[in-house]
Amino acid sequence: KSGHHGSKNSGSDLLLDIIHPTVAVISAGNRNRYGHPHLQTLEEYDRRDIRWYCTKDSGAITIESDGSSYRMYEWKKGFHLYE
């Protein structure tokens, strides 16, 4: 889960270096007045090969886990995103 709607200062390089995420989920409304998620955040995710999904595009994002693996689903399009 990306911090503070994917804002410019929502995370740190140190945190990303420590946890090495492969996927980020960003909760942000469509046409929000703050412009979240910030382009700099998305570019940093892209630079680190972190696949990101945003609720403004996907609607609700559901994550199911059995404790050792997980699946993500995009509500608006009704299909499996990532496993």
Protein backbone atom coordinates (compact mmCIF):
# COMPACT_ATOMS: atom_id res chain seq x y z
CA LYS A 1 0.00 0.00 0.00
CA SER A 2 1.53 3.26 -1.09
CA GLY A 3 1.65 5.95 1.56
CA HIS A 4 -0.55 9.08 1.54
CA HIS A 5 -2.31 8.49 -1.80
CA GLY A 6 1.00 8.32 -3.69
CA SER A 7 1.92 11.92 -2.86
CA LYS A 8 5.37 13.29 -3.66
CA ASN A 9 6.61 12.81 -0.10
CA SER A 10 4.69 9.63 0.70
CA GLY A 11 7.66 7.31 0.93
CA SER A 12 11.41 7.23 1.09
CA ASP A 13 14.21 5.64 -0.89
CA LEU A 14 15.41 3.98 2.30
CA LEU A 15 12.07 2.29 2.89
CA LEU A 16 11.89 1.07 -0.71
CA ASP A 17 15.49 -0.16 -0.45
CA ILE A 18 14.66 -2.15 2.68
CA ILE A 19 11.37 -3.76 1.66
CA HIS A 20 11.95 -4.19 -2.12
CA PRO A 21 8.27 -4.14 -3.09
CA THR A 22 7.22 -5.63 -6.41
CA VAL A 23 3.71 -4.15 -6.43
CA ALA A 24 2.19 -0.95 -5.03
CA VAL A 25 -1.49 -0.17 -4.55
CA ILE A 26 -2.34 3.53 -4.49
CA SER A 27 -5.64 4.73 -3.09
CA ALA A 28 -6.58 8.00 -4.82
CA GLY A 29 -9.82 9.39 -6.19
CA ASN A 30 -10.32 10.31 -9.82
CA ARG A 31 -9.60 14.00 -10.54
CA ASN A 32 -8.71 14.69 -6.91
CA ARG A 33 -7.72 18.29 -6.20
CA TYR A 34 -4.23 17.35 -5.01
CA GLY A 35 -3.22 15.54 -8.18
CA HIS A 36 -2.50 12.25 -6.40
CA PRO A 37 -0.72 10.10 -7.22
CA HIS A 38 2.26 12.36 -7.92
CA LEU A 39 4.17 11.78 -11.15
CA GLN A 40 7.47 11.66 -9.23
CA THR A 41 6.17 8.77 -7.12
CA LEU A 42 5.01 6.86 -10.19
CA GLU A 43 8.34 7.47 -11.95
CA GLU A 44 10.21 6.16 -8.90
CA TYR A 45 8.07 3.02 -8.88
CA ASP A 46 8.70 2.57 -12.60
CA ARG A 47 12.45 3.09 -12.11
CA ARG A 48 12.48 0.35 -9.49
CA ASP A 49 10.28 -1.98 -11.58
CA ILE A 50 7.47 -1.76 -9.03
CA ARG A 51 4.16 -2.44 -10.74
CA TRP A 52 1.61 0.01 -9.45
CA TYR A 53 -2.17 0.08 -9.52
CA CYS A 54 -4.35 3.03 -8.57
CA THR A 55 -7.95 2.95 -7.42
CA LYS A 56 -8.76 6.01 -9.55
CA ASP A 57 -8.18 3.79 -12.60
CA SER A 58 -9.05 0.35 -11.25
CA GLY A 59 -11.82 1.03 -8.78
CA ALA A 60 -11.57 -1.24 -5.76
CA ILE A 61 -8.55 -3.51 -5.72
CA THR A 62 -9.02 -6.79 -3.88
CA ILE A 63 -6.11 -8.78 -2.53
CA GLU A 64 -6.55 -12.42 -1.51
CA SER A 65 -3.84 -14.35 0.30
CA ASP A 66 -3.34 -17.83 1.70
CA GLY A 67 -0.42 -16.63 3.82
CA SER A 68 2.29 -17.53 1.35
CA SER A 69 1.01 -16.19 -1.97
CA TYR A 70 -1.53 -13.63 -3.08
CA ARG A 71 -3.77 -12.59 -5.95
CA MET A 72 -5.01 -9.13 -6.86
CA TYR A 73 -8.21 -8.28 -8.70
CA GLU A 74 -9.26 -5.06 -10.39
CA TRP A 75 -12.92 -4.30 -9.66
CA LYS A 76 -13.75 -2.07 -12.67
CA LYS A 77 -12.51 -4.53 -15.23
CA GLY A 78 -13.31 -7.65 -13.25
CA PHE A 79 -10.11 -9.50 -13.93
CA HIS A 80 -7.06 -10.91 -12.19
CA LEU A 81 -4.13 -8.49 -12.07
CA TYR A 82 -1.20 -10.18 -10.43
CA GLU A 83 -0.20 -13.40 -8.76
